[in-house]
């Protein structure tokens, strides 16, 4: 089975903030039944979103329906089901080749990228990291048993990474050593640089980049 990298733009709107506030209020109150009801309502809105179902293992015949019940629901899964209806598809890092996301992860270090930058480009942060920016509660945001809630990268950081990729696209850096030259050529020949630039180009500071890797 092919390995695919999926990407979406999640705009931060008033509706986004209202939905986050609503589900976090249920979590902060320890109201699992209410959190489950919010998540189930969000999940019902995804019936026609096969792209989202595939990327995050949300197909109706899968295990997600069990994880949405009050005894298992987590704030991360609730947030995913509530927000995913607004996800706008982006070309993922496997648009030109299903191993291009791995190629980027393996070759960008030779071009001066840090592990953190690469992780934000390819995998993103846990959804709980995103949620922490919207809560003032002392209650810990636990991950829960359902792990397919995507990787989340702030739009501002995505824009920073985009600028670095655009600079790389201009050509091999003049001060590049042999390892850097080889890395650049591999990324260019595979269209991995193009895929990454295409993924990030539509994002604004007021978005989240949401990614997933399926096997």
N, C-alpha and C. Protein backbone atom coordinates (compact mmCIF):
# COMPACT_ATOMS: atom_id res chain seq x y z
N UNK A 1 0.84 -1.19 0.00
CA UNK A 1 0.00 0.00 0.00
C UNK A 1 0.88 1.25 0.00
N UNK A 2 0.51 2.23 -0.80
CA UNK A 2 1.30 3.45 -0.91
C UNK A 2 1.23 4.26 0.38
N UNK A 3 2.33 4.94 0.65
CA UNK A 3 2.37 5.88 1.77
C UNK A 3 2.01 7.25 1.21
N UNK A 4 1.01 7.88 1.79
CA UNK A 4 0.55 9.16 1.27
C UNK A 4 0.60 10.24 2.35
N UNK A 5 1.03 11.41 1.93
CA UNK A 5 1.04 12.57 2.81
C UNK A 5 -0.14 13.45 2.43
N UNK A 6 -1.00 13.74 3.40
CA UNK A 6 -2.20 14.55 3.18
C UNK A 6 -2.02 15.91 3.85
N UNK A 7 -2.59 16.94 3.25
CA UNK A 7 -2.46 18.29 3.82
C UNK A 7 -3.75 19.07 3.61
N UNK A 8 -4.05 19.91 4.60
CA UNK A 8 -5.25 20.74 4.56
C UNK A 8 -4.94 22.11 5.18
N UNK A 9 -5.70 23.09 4.73
CA UNK A 9 -5.66 24.42 5.35
C UNK A 9 -6.88 24.57 6.24
N UNK A 10 -6.65 24.90 7.49
CA UNK A 10 -7.75 25.12 8.44
C UNK A 10 -7.77 26.60 8.81
N UNK A 11 -8.69 27.38 8.25
CA UNK A 11 -8.72 28.82 8.54
C UNK A 11 -9.17 29.09 9.98
N UNK A 12 -8.53 30.04 10.61
CA UNK A 12 -8.93 30.46 11.95
C UNK A 12 -9.96 31.58 11.79
N UNK A 13 -11.21 31.23 12.01
CA UNK A 13 -12.32 32.16 11.86
C UNK A 13 -13.04 32.30 13.20
N UNK A 14 -14.05 33.15 13.23
CA UNK A 14 -14.86 33.26 14.45
C UNK A 14 -15.55 31.94 14.75
N UNK A 15 -15.99 31.25 13.70
CA UNK A 15 -16.63 29.95 13.90
C UNK A 15 -15.64 28.96 14.50
N UNK A 16 -14.42 28.95 13.98
CA UNK A 16 -13.36 28.09 14.51
C UNK A 16 -13.18 28.35 16.01
N UNK A 17 -13.04 29.61 16.38
CA UNK A 17 -12.80 29.95 17.78
C UNK A 17 -14.01 29.61 18.65
N UNK A 18 -15.21 29.79 18.11
CA UNK A 18 -16.42 29.45 18.86
C UNK A 18 -16.51 27.95 19.10
N UNK A 19 -16.20 27.17 18.08
CA UNK A 19 -16.27 25.72 18.22
C UNK A 19 -15.22 25.20 19.20
N UNK A 20 -14.02 25.76 19.14
CA UNK A 20 -12.97 25.38 20.09
C UNK A 20 -13.38 25.73 21.52
N UNK A 21 -13.92 26.93 21.68
CA UNK A 21 -14.35 27.38 23.01
C UNK A 21 -15.43 26.46 23.57
N UNK A 22 -16.35 26.05 22.72
CA UNK A 22 -17.45 25.20 23.15
C UNK A 22 -16.96 23.83 23.63
N UNK A 23 -16.08 23.22 22.86
CA UNK A 23 -15.64 21.88 23.25
C UNK A 23 -14.68 21.93 24.44
N UNK A 24 -13.88 23.00 24.53
CA UNK A 24 -12.98 23.11 25.68
C UNK A 24 -13.75 23.39 26.97
N UNK A 25 -14.88 24.08 26.85
CA UNK A 25 -15.72 24.31 28.03
C UNK A 25 -16.25 22.98 28.57
N UNK A 26 -16.63 22.10 27.65
CA UNK A 26 -17.10 20.77 28.07
C UNK A 26 -15.97 19.98 28.72
N UNK A 27 -14.78 20.05 28.12
CA UNK A 27 -13.63 19.34 28.68
C UNK A 27 -13.25 19.89 30.06
N UNK A 28 -13.20 21.21 30.18
CA UNK A 28 -12.83 21.83 31.44
C UNK A 28 -13.81 21.47 32.56
N UNK A 29 -15.08 21.31 32.18
CA UNK A 29 -16.11 20.97 33.17
C UNK A 29 -16.14 19.48 33.48
N UNK A 30 -15.34 18.70 32.77
CA UNK A 30 -15.35 17.26 32.96
C UNK A 30 -16.61 16.61 32.45
N UNK A 31 -17.29 17.28 31.53
CA UNK A 31 -18.57 16.79 31.00
C UNK A 31 -18.31 15.94 29.76
N UNK A 32 -17.99 14.68 29.96
CA UNK A 32 -17.67 13.79 28.86
C UNK A 32 -18.87 13.56 27.93
N UNK A 33 -20.06 13.53 28.49
CA UNK A 33 -21.25 13.33 27.67
C UNK A 33 -21.44 14.49 26.70
N UNK A 34 -21.25 15.69 27.19
CA UNK A 34 -21.38 16.87 26.33
C UNK A 34 -20.28 16.90 25.27
N UNK A 35 -19.05 16.57 25.67
CA UNK A 35 -17.95 16.55 24.72
C UNK A 35 -18.20 15.51 23.63
N UNK A 36 -18.73 14.36 24.03
CA UNK A 36 -19.06 13.32 23.06
C UNK A 36 -20.15 13.79 22.11
N UNK A 37 -21.16 14.46 22.63
CA UNK A 37 -22.25 14.94 21.79
C UNK A 37 -21.74 15.96 20.76
N UNK A 38 -20.85 16.84 21.20
CA UNK A 38 -20.25 17.82 20.29
C UNK A 38 -19.46 17.11 19.19
N UNK A 39 -18.68 16.11 19.60
CA UNK A 39 -17.85 15.38 18.64
C UNK A 39 -18.70 14.58 17.65
N UNK A 40 -19.75 13.94 18.15
CA UNK A 40 -20.62 13.15 17.27
C UNK A 40 -21.34 14.04 16.26
N UNK A 41 -21.74 15.23 16.69
CA UNK A 41 -22.38 16.16 15.76
C UNK A 41 -21.40 16.60 14.69
N UNK A 42 -20.17 16.86 15.09
CA UNK A 42 -19.15 17.22 14.12
C UNK A 42 -18.86 16.08 13.16
N UNK A 43 -18.79 14.88 13.69
CA UNK A 43 -18.51 13.71 12.85
C UNK A 43 -19.60 13.50 11.81
N UNK A 44 -20.85 13.75 12.19
CA UNK A 44 -21.96 13.59 11.24
C UNK A 44 -21.82 14.53 10.05
N UNK A 45 -21.18 15.67 10.26
CA UNK A 45 -21.03 16.64 9.17
C UNK A 45 -19.96 16.23 8.16
N UNK A 46 -19.23 15.15 8.45
CA UNK A 46 -18.14 14.70 7.58
C UNK A 46 -18.54 13.55 6.67
N UNK A 47 -19.84 13.27 6.60
CA UNK A 47 -20.30 12.11 5.83
C UNK A 47 -19.88 12.16 4.37
N UNK A 48 -19.77 13.35 3.80
CA UNK A 48 -19.41 13.49 2.39
C UNK A 48 -17.94 13.83 2.18
N UNK A 49 -17.16 13.88 3.26
CA UNK A 49 -15.75 14.26 3.15
C UNK A 49 -14.86 13.02 3.14
N UNK A 50 -14.82 12.33 2.00
CA UNK A 50 -13.99 11.14 1.91
C UNK A 50 -12.51 11.47 2.07
N UNK A 51 -12.11 12.66 1.63
CA UNK A 51 -10.70 13.04 1.77
C UNK A 51 -10.30 13.12 3.24
N UNK A 52 -11.16 13.71 4.05
CA UNK A 52 -10.89 13.81 5.48
C UNK A 52 -10.98 12.44 6.15
N UNK A 53 -11.97 11.66 5.77
CA UNK A 53 -12.12 10.33 6.35
C UNK A 53 -10.88 9.48 6.09
N UNK A 54 -10.35 9.58 4.87
CA UNK A 54 -9.17 8.79 4.51
C UNK A 54 -7.93 9.25 5.27
N UNK A 55 -7.73 10.56 5.32
CA UNK A 55 -6.52 11.10 5.94
C UNK A 55 -6.45 10.82 7.43
N UNK A 56 -7.60 10.82 8.11
CA UNK A 56 -7.60 10.73 9.57
C UNK A 56 -8.30 9.47 10.10
N UNK A 57 -8.46 8.48 9.24
CA UNK A 57 -9.05 7.19 9.65
C UNK A 57 -10.43 7.38 10.28
N UNK A 58 -11.26 8.17 9.61
CA UNK A 58 -12.59 8.48 10.13
C UNK A 58 -13.71 7.79 9.36
N UNK A 59 -13.39 6.77 8.60
CA UNK A 59 -14.42 6.08 7.82
C UNK A 59 -15.47 5.47 8.75
N UNK A 60 -16.73 5.47 8.32
CA UNK A 60 -17.82 4.95 9.17
C UNK A 60 -17.63 3.50 9.59
N UNK A 61 -16.93 2.71 8.78
CA UNK A 61 -16.75 1.30 9.11
C UNK A 61 -15.49 1.06 9.95
N UNK A 62 -14.86 2.13 10.42
CA UNK A 62 -13.67 2.00 11.24
C UNK A 62 -13.98 2.04 12.73
N UNK A 63 -12.93 2.22 13.52
CA UNK A 63 -13.07 2.17 14.98
C UNK A 63 -13.43 3.51 15.59
N UNK A 64 -13.48 4.57 14.78
CA UNK A 64 -13.64 5.90 15.37
C UNK A 64 -14.95 6.06 16.12
N UNK A 65 -16.00 5.38 15.68
CA UNK A 65 -17.29 5.54 16.36
C UNK A 65 -17.21 5.15 17.83
N UNK A 66 -16.38 4.17 18.14
CA UNK A 66 -16.20 3.78 19.55
C UNK A 66 -15.45 4.86 20.33
N UNK A 67 -14.45 5.45 19.69
CA UNK A 67 -13.65 6.47 20.38
C UNK A 67 -14.43 7.76 20.61
N UNK A 68 -15.55 7.93 19.91
CA UNK A 68 -16.36 9.13 20.08
C UNK A 68 -17.33 9.05 21.26
N UNK A 69 -17.41 7.88 21.88
CA UNK A 69 -18.34 7.70 22.99
C UNK A 69 -17.81 8.36 24.26
N UNK A 70 -18.71 8.72 25.19
CA UNK A 70 -18.31 9.49 26.39
C UNK A 70 -17.16 8.88 27.18
N UNK A 71 -17.10 7.56 27.26
CA UNK A 71 -16.06 6.94 28.07
C UNK A 71 -14.68 7.00 27.42
N UNK A 72 -14.62 7.32 26.12
CA UNK A 72 -13.34 7.33 25.41
C UNK A 72 -12.99 8.67 24.76
N UNK A 73 -13.95 9.56 24.62
CA UNK A 73 -13.71 10.79 23.86
C UNK A 73 -12.60 11.63 24.48
N UNK A 74 -11.77 12.21 23.62
CA UNK A 74 -10.69 13.09 24.05
C UNK A 74 -10.89 14.45 23.41
N UNK A 75 -10.32 15.51 23.98
CA UNK A 75 -10.48 16.83 23.38
C UNK A 75 -9.89 16.92 21.98
N UNK A 76 -8.80 16.19 21.73
CA UNK A 76 -8.19 16.23 20.40
C UNK A 76 -9.08 15.64 19.33
N UNK A 77 -9.66 14.48 19.60
CA UNK A 77 -10.56 13.86 18.63
C UNK A 77 -11.81 14.71 18.45
N UNK A 78 -12.32 15.25 19.55
CA UNK A 78 -13.49 16.13 19.44
C UNK A 78 -13.19 17.33 18.56
N UNK A 79 -12.02 17.93 18.76
CA UNK A 79 -11.64 19.10 17.96
C UNK A 79 -11.51 18.74 16.49
N UNK A 80 -10.91 17.59 16.20
CA UNK A 80 -10.77 17.18 14.80
C UNK A 80 -12.13 17.03 14.13
N UNK A 81 -13.05 16.33 14.78
CA UNK A 81 -14.35 16.09 14.15
C UNK A 81 -15.15 17.38 14.00
N UNK A 82 -14.96 18.30 14.93
CA UNK A 82 -15.71 19.56 14.89
C UNK A 82 -15.15 20.51 13.83
N UNK A 83 -13.83 20.50 13.65
CA UNK A 83 -13.19 21.47 12.75
C UNK A 83 -13.02 20.97 11.32
N UNK A 84 -13.02 19.66 11.12
CA UNK A 84 -12.62 19.10 9.83
C UNK A 84 -13.55 19.48 8.69
N UNK A 85 -14.79 19.85 8.99
CA UNK A 85 -15.69 20.24 7.89
C UNK A 85 -15.19 21.48 7.17
N UNK A 86 -14.35 22.28 7.85
CA UNK A 86 -13.83 23.51 7.24
C UNK A 86 -12.46 23.32 6.60
N UNK A 87 -11.92 22.10 6.65
CA UNK A 87 -10.60 21.85 6.06
C UNK A 87 -10.65 22.05 4.55
N UNK A 88 -9.67 22.77 4.04
CA UNK A 88 -9.54 23.00 2.61
C UNK A 88 -8.35 22.18 2.11
N UNK A 89 -8.58 21.25 1.17
CA UNK A 89 -7.48 20.38 0.73
C UNK A 89 -6.33 21.16 0.10
N UNK A 90 -5.13 20.72 0.40
CA UNK A 90 -3.91 21.25 -0.20
C UNK A 90 -3.17 20.09 -0.86
N UNK A 91 -2.32 20.37 -1.84
CA UNK A 91 -1.47 19.29 -2.36
C UNK A 91 -0.50 18.85 -1.27
N UNK A 92 -0.45 17.56 -1.00
CA UNK A 92 0.43 17.05 0.04
C UNK A 92 1.85 16.87 -0.46
N UNK A 93 2.71 16.44 0.43
CA UNK A 93 4.12 16.27 0.08
C UNK A 93 4.38 15.04 -0.76
N UNK A 94 3.37 14.20 -0.95
CA UNK A 94 3.53 13.04 -1.83
C UNK A 94 2.84 13.25 -3.17
N UNK A 95 2.56 14.50 -3.52
CA UNK A 95 1.86 14.78 -4.77
C UNK A 95 2.62 14.26 -5.98
N UNK A 96 3.94 14.37 -5.97
CA UNK A 96 4.75 13.92 -7.11
C UNK A 96 5.38 12.56 -6.89
N UNK A 97 5.38 12.10 -5.66
CA UNK A 97 5.98 10.80 -5.35
C UNK A 97 5.69 10.45 -3.91
N UNK A 98 5.28 9.21 -3.66
CA UNK A 98 4.79 8.89 -2.31
C UNK A 98 5.88 8.85 -1.25
N UNK A 99 7.15 8.98 -1.65
CA UNK A 99 8.22 9.03 -0.65
C UNK A 99 8.83 10.43 -0.51
N UNK A 100 8.23 11.41 -1.15
CA UNK A 100 8.83 12.74 -1.12
C UNK A 100 8.86 13.36 0.27
N UNK A 101 7.89 13.02 1.12
CA UNK A 101 7.95 13.57 2.48
C UNK A 101 9.15 13.01 3.24
N UNK A 102 9.48 11.74 3.00
CA UNK A 102 10.68 11.17 3.62
C UNK A 102 11.95 11.78 3.01
N UNK A 103 11.91 12.02 1.72
CA UNK A 103 13.06 12.62 1.05
C UNK A 103 13.36 14.01 1.63
N UNK A 104 12.32 14.78 1.84
CA UNK A 104 12.50 16.10 2.45
C UNK A 104 13.08 15.98 3.85
N UNK A 105 12.54 15.06 4.63
CA UNK A 105 13.02 14.88 6.01
C UNK A 105 14.49 14.46 6.04
N UNK A 106 14.91 13.67 5.05
CA UNK A 106 16.27 13.15 5.04
C UNK A 106 17.28 14.10 4.41
N UNK A 107 16.84 14.96 3.48
CA UNK A 107 17.78 15.80 2.73
C UNK A 107 17.87 17.23 3.24
N UNK A 108 16.81 17.75 3.83
CA UNK A 108 16.84 19.15 4.27
C UNK A 108 17.89 19.44 5.36
N UNK A 109 18.25 18.47 6.23
CA UNK A 109 19.31 18.78 7.19
C UNK A 109 20.62 19.22 6.52
N UNK A 110 20.94 18.63 5.39
CA UNK A 110 22.17 19.00 4.68
C UNK A 110 22.10 20.42 4.14
N UNK A 111 20.88 20.96 4.06
CA UNK A 111 20.69 22.32 3.56
C UNK A 111 20.42 23.31 4.69
N UNK A 112 20.75 22.90 5.90
CA UNK A 112 20.70 23.82 7.03
C UNK A 112 19.40 23.86 7.80
N UNK A 113 18.48 22.94 7.52
CA UNK A 113 17.21 22.93 8.23
C UNK A 113 17.36 22.16 9.55
N UNK A 114 16.70 22.67 10.58
CA UNK A 114 16.74 22.01 11.88
C UNK A 114 15.69 20.90 11.93
N UNK A 115 15.85 20.01 12.91
CA UNK A 115 14.86 18.94 13.09
C UNK A 115 13.48 19.51 13.36
N UNK A 116 13.42 20.59 14.14
CA UNK A 116 12.13 21.20 14.46
C UNK A 116 11.45 21.75 13.20
N UNK A 117 12.21 22.43 12.35
CA UNK A 117 11.65 22.98 11.12
C UNK A 117 11.13 21.87 10.21
N UNK A 118 11.89 20.80 10.11
CA UNK A 118 11.49 19.68 9.26
C UNK A 118 10.23 19.02 9.81
N UNK A 119 10.18 18.88 11.12
CA UNK A 119 9.01 18.26 11.74
C UNK A 119 7.76 19.10 11.50
N UNK A 120 7.89 20.41 11.59
CA UNK A 120 6.75 21.29 11.35
C UNK A 120 6.30 21.24 9.89
N UNK A 121 7.24 21.05 8.99
CA UNK A 121 6.91 20.95 7.56
C UNK A 121 6.22 19.63 7.24
N UNK A 122 6.75 18.54 7.76
CA UNK A 122 6.32 17.21 7.34
C UNK A 122 5.21 16.64 8.22
N UNK A 123 5.33 16.80 9.53
CA UNK A 123 4.43 16.09 10.45
C UNK A 123 3.56 17.01 11.31
N UNK A 124 4.04 18.18 11.64
CA UNK A 124 3.28 19.08 12.49
C UNK A 124 3.30 18.66 13.95
N UNK A 125 2.63 19.45 14.77
CA UNK A 125 2.56 19.21 16.21
C UNK A 125 1.25 18.50 16.56
N UNK A 126 1.19 17.84 17.71
CA UNK A 126 -0.08 17.22 18.13
C UNK A 126 -1.19 18.26 18.23
N UNK A 127 -2.40 17.83 17.98
CA UNK A 127 -3.54 18.75 18.03
C UNK A 127 -3.69 19.38 19.41
N UNK A 128 -3.25 18.66 20.44
CA UNK A 128 -3.33 19.21 21.80
C UNK A 128 -2.47 20.46 21.95
N UNK A 129 -1.37 20.53 21.20
CA UNK A 129 -0.53 21.73 21.23
C UNK A 129 -1.30 22.92 20.69
N UNK A 130 -2.05 22.71 19.62
CA UNK A 130 -2.89 23.77 19.09
C UNK A 130 -3.95 24.19 20.11
N UNK A 131 -4.59 23.22 20.74
CA UNK A 131 -5.67 23.52 21.68
C UNK A 131 -5.18 24.29 22.91
N UNK A 132 -3.95 24.04 23.32
CA UNK A 132 -3.43 24.73 24.51
C UNK A 132 -3.41 26.24 24.32
N UNK A 133 -3.32 26.68 23.09
CA UNK A 133 -3.32 28.12 22.84
C UNK A 133 -4.67 28.77 23.02
N UNK A 134 -5.71 27.96 23.21
CA UNK A 134 -7.07 28.49 23.33
C UNK A 134 -7.70 28.21 24.68
N UNK A 135 -6.95 27.64 25.62
CA UNK A 135 -7.53 27.31 26.92
C UNK A 135 -6.76 28.00 28.04
N UNK A 136 -7.49 28.35 29.09
CA UNK A 136 -6.87 28.92 30.28
C UNK A 136 -7.06 27.97 31.46
N UNK A 137 -7.62 26.82 31.19
CA UNK A 137 -7.90 25.85 32.25
C UNK A 137 -6.61 25.17 32.70
N UNK A 138 -6.60 24.77 33.95
CA UNK A 138 -5.47 24.03 34.49
C UNK A 138 -5.59 22.54 34.18
N UNK A 139 -6.75 22.12 33.68
CA UNK A 139 -6.94 20.70 33.39
C UNK A 139 -6.09 20.29 32.19
N UNK A 140 -5.36 19.23 32.34
CA UNK A 140 -4.45 18.78 31.29
C UNK A 140 -5.22 18.29 30.07
N UNK A 141 -4.74 18.67 28.89
CA UNK A 141 -5.33 18.20 27.64
C UNK A 141 -4.71 16.86 27.28
N UNK A 142 -5.39 15.80 27.63
CA UNK A 142 -4.87 14.46 27.40
C UNK A 142 -5.10 14.03 25.96
N UNK A 143 -4.14 13.25 25.44
CA UNK A 143 -4.20 12.86 24.04
C UNK A 143 -5.32 11.88 23.74
N UNK A 144 -5.55 10.94 24.59
CA UNK A 144 -6.58 9.95 24.32
C UNK A 144 -6.06 8.81 23.48
N UNK A 145 -6.91 7.80 23.27
CA UNK A 145 -6.47 6.60 22.58
C UNK A 145 -6.48 6.69 21.07
N UNK A 146 -7.28 7.59 20.51
CA UNK A 146 -7.34 7.74 19.06
C UNK A 146 -6.23 8.69 18.63
N UNK A 147 -5.26 8.18 17.88
CA UNK A 147 -4.03 8.93 17.59
C UNK A 147 -4.05 9.67 16.25
N UNK A 148 -5.07 9.45 15.43
CA UNK A 148 -5.04 9.98 14.06
C UNK A 148 -5.67 11.37 13.98
N UNK A 149 -5.19 12.28 14.79
CA UNK A 149 -5.78 13.61 14.84
C UNK A 149 -4.95 14.66 14.09
N UNK A 150 -3.98 14.21 13.32
CA UNK A 150 -3.23 15.10 12.45
C UNK A 150 -2.10 15.82 13.14
N UNK A 151 -1.25 16.41 12.30
CA UNK A 151 -0.18 17.27 12.78
C UNK A 151 -0.54 18.71 12.46
N UNK A 152 -0.33 19.61 13.41
CA UNK A 152 -0.80 20.99 13.28
C UNK A 152 0.38 21.96 13.33
N UNK A 153 0.48 22.79 12.30
CA UNK A 153 1.55 23.78 12.21
C UNK A 153 0.93 25.17 12.06
N UNK A 154 1.31 26.12 12.91
CA UNK A 154 0.72 27.47 12.81
C UNK A 154 1.02 28.11 11.46
N UNK A 155 0.06 28.86 10.96
CA UNK A 155 0.23 29.50 9.67
C UNK A 155 1.44 30.42 9.62
N UNK A 156 1.71 31.11 10.71
CA UNK A 156 2.86 32.02 10.73
C UNK A 156 4.16 31.25 10.51
N UNK A 157 4.27 30.08 11.15
CA UNK A 157 5.46 29.26 10.96
C UNK A 157 5.50 28.68 9.55
N UNK A 158 4.34 28.29 9.04
CA UNK A 158 4.28 27.77 7.67
C UNK A 158 4.76 28.81 6.67
N UNK A 159 4.42 30.06 6.91
CA UNK A 159 4.87 31.14 6.03
C UNK A 159 6.39 31.31 6.10
N UNK A 160 6.94 31.15 7.30
CA UNK A 160 8.39 31.23 7.45
C UNK A 160 9.08 30.10 6.69
N UNK A 161 8.54 28.90 6.82
CA UNK A 161 9.10 27.76 6.09
C UNK A 161 8.95 27.95 4.59
N UNK A 162 7.83 28.52 4.18
CA UNK A 162 7.60 28.77 2.76
C UNK A 162 8.66 29.71 2.19
N UNK A 163 9.00 30.74 2.94
CA UNK A 163 10.02 31.68 2.47
C UNK A 163 11.37 30.99 2.31
N UNK A 164 11.69 30.07 3.20
CA UNK A 164 12.95 29.34 3.10
C UNK A 164 12.95 28.43 1.87
N UNK A 165 11.81 27.80 1.60
CA UNK A 165 11.72 26.94 0.43
C UNK A 165 11.82 27.74 -0.86
N UNK A 166 11.22 28.92 -0.88
CA UNK A 166 11.31 29.76 -2.07
C UNK A 166 12.76 30.16 -2.34
N UNK A 167 13.50 30.41 -1.28
CA UNK A 167 14.91 30.74 -1.44
C UNK A 167 15.67 29.54 -2.01
N UNK A 168 15.36 28.35 -1.50
CA UNK A 168 16.01 27.15 -2.00
C UNK A 168 15.69 26.91 -3.47
N UNK A 169 14.47 27.25 -3.86
CA UNK A 169 14.03 26.99 -5.24
C UNK A 169 14.80 27.83 -6.25
N UNK A 170 15.49 28.86 -5.79
CA UNK A 170 16.26 29.71 -6.70
C UNK A 170 17.49 29.00 -7.25
N UNK A 171 17.92 27.96 -6.55
CA UNK A 171 19.07 27.21 -7.03
C UNK A 171 19.95 26.74 -5.88
N UNK A 172 20.97 26.01 -6.22
CA UNK A 172 21.90 25.50 -5.21
C UNK A 172 22.58 26.68 -4.52
N UNK A 173 22.54 26.73 -3.20
CA UNK A 173 23.20 27.83 -2.48
C UNK A 173 24.66 27.97 -2.90
N UNK A 174 25.13 29.18 -3.13
CA UNK A 174 26.50 29.37 -3.64
C UNK A 174 27.58 28.83 -2.71
N UNK A 175 27.29 28.78 -1.41
CA UNK A 175 28.30 28.29 -0.46
C UNK A 175 28.07 26.83 -0.09
N UNK A 176 27.27 26.13 -0.89
CA UNK A 176 26.91 24.74 -0.56
C UNK A 176 28.11 23.82 -0.69
N UNK A 177 28.23 22.89 0.27
CA UNK A 177 29.26 21.86 0.15
C UNK A 177 28.70 20.72 -0.70
N UNK A 178 29.47 19.66 -0.84
CA UNK A 178 29.06 18.57 -1.72
C UNK A 178 27.78 17.90 -1.23
N UNK A 179 27.66 17.73 0.09
CA UNK A 179 26.45 17.09 0.64
C UNK A 179 25.23 17.95 0.38
N UNK A 180 25.37 19.26 0.52
CA UNK A 180 24.25 20.16 0.28
C UNK A 180 23.87 20.17 -1.20
N UNK A 181 24.86 20.15 -2.07
CA UNK A 181 24.58 20.13 -3.51
C UNK A 181 23.82 18.86 -3.89
N UNK A 182 24.26 17.74 -3.35
CA UNK A 182 23.60 16.47 -3.66
C UNK A 182 22.17 16.47 -3.11
N UNK A 183 21.98 17.00 -1.91
CA UNK A 183 20.65 17.06 -1.31
C UNK A 183 19.72 17.93 -2.16
N UNK A 184 20.21 19.08 -2.58
CA UNK A 184 19.39 19.99 -3.39
C UNK A 184 18.99 19.31 -4.71
N UNK A 185 19.94 18.64 -5.35
CA UNK A 185 19.65 17.99 -6.62
C UNK A 185 18.60 16.88 -6.45
N UNK A 186 18.69 16.13 -5.38
CA UNK A 186 17.72 15.06 -5.14
C UNK A 186 16.32 15.63 -4.92
N UNK A 187 16.25 16.71 -4.17
CA UNK A 187 14.95 17.34 -3.92
C UNK A 187 14.38 17.97 -5.18
N UNK A 188 15.25 18.52 -6.00
CA UNK A 188 14.80 19.15 -7.23
C UNK A 188 14.35 18.11 -8.25
N UNK A 189 15.13 17.07 -8.43
CA UNK A 189 14.82 16.06 -9.44
C UNK A 189 13.55 15.27 -9.10
N UNK A 190 13.26 15.12 -7.83
CA UNK A 190 12.07 14.37 -7.40
C UNK A 190 10.82 15.24 -7.33
N UNK A 191 10.98 16.53 -7.55
CA UNK A 191 9.89 17.51 -7.39
C UNK A 191 9.46 17.67 -5.94
N UNK A 192 10.27 17.19 -5.00
CA UNK A 192 9.92 17.33 -3.59
C UNK A 192 9.88 18.79 -3.16
N UNK A 193 10.81 19.59 -3.68
CA UNK A 193 10.79 21.03 -3.37
C UNK A 193 9.51 21.66 -3.91
N UNK A 194 9.13 21.28 -5.11
CA UNK A 194 7.91 21.83 -5.70
C UNK A 194 6.70 21.44 -4.87
N UNK A 195 6.63 20.18 -4.44
CA UNK A 195 5.50 19.72 -3.64
C UNK A 195 5.39 20.52 -2.34
N UNK A 196 6.52 20.73 -1.68
CA UNK A 196 6.50 21.47 -0.42
C UNK A 196 6.09 22.92 -0.63
N UNK A 197 6.58 23.53 -1.68
CA UNK A 197 6.21 24.92 -1.97
C UNK A 197 4.73 25.03 -2.30
N UNK A 198 4.22 24.08 -3.07
CA UNK A 198 2.81 24.10 -3.45
C UNK A 198 1.91 23.90 -2.23
N UNK A 199 2.34 23.08 -1.29
CA UNK A 199 1.55 22.85 -0.09
C UNK A 199 1.44 24.12 0.75
N UNK A 200 2.54 24.82 0.90
CA UNK A 200 2.57 25.97 1.80
C UNK A 200 2.07 27.27 1.18
N UNK A 201 2.10 27.36 -0.14
CA UNK A 201 1.81 28.63 -0.81
C UNK A 201 0.46 29.25 -0.43
N UNK A 202 -0.64 28.49 -0.30
CA UNK A 202 -1.94 29.12 -0.01
C UNK A 202 -2.12 29.58 1.43
N UNK A 203 -1.22 29.19 2.33
CA UNK A 203 -1.43 29.45 3.75
C UNK A 203 -1.16 30.90 4.13
N UNK A 204 -1.93 31.39 5.09
CA UNK A 204 -1.74 32.73 5.64
C UNK A 204 -1.40 32.61 7.12
N UNK A 205 -1.09 33.74 7.73
CA UNK A 205 -0.79 33.74 9.16
C UNK A 205 -1.99 33.29 9.99
N UNK A 206 -3.19 33.44 9.44
CA UNK A 206 -4.43 33.12 10.17
C UNK A 206 -4.96 31.73 9.83
N UNK A 207 -4.07 30.83 9.49
CA UNK A 207 -4.44 29.45 9.18
C UNK A 207 -3.66 28.50 10.07
N UNK A 208 -4.13 27.26 10.09
CA UNK A 208 -3.33 26.14 10.56
C UNK A 208 -3.10 25.20 9.38
N UNK A 209 -1.89 24.72 9.24
CA UNK A 209 -1.59 23.63 8.31
C UNK A 209 -1.83 22.33 9.06
N UNK A 210 -2.68 21.47 8.50
CA UNK A 210 -3.00 20.19 9.14
C UNK A 210 -2.54 19.07 8.20
N UNK A 211 -1.71 18.18 8.71
CA UNK A 211 -1.16 17.12 7.87
C UNK A 211 -1.40 15.75 8.48
N UNK A 212 -1.32 14.75 7.63
CA UNK A 212 -1.45 13.36 8.08
C UNK A 212 -0.70 12.48 7.09
N UNK A 213 -0.19 11.37 7.58
CA UNK A 213 0.49 10.38 6.74
C UNK A 213 -0.23 9.06 6.91
N UNK A 214 -0.68 8.49 5.79
CA UNK A 214 -1.37 7.21 5.84
C UNK A 214 -0.56 6.16 5.10
N UNK A 215 -0.76 4.92 5.49
CA UNK A 215 -0.04 3.79 4.90
C UNK A 215 -1.03 2.84 4.24
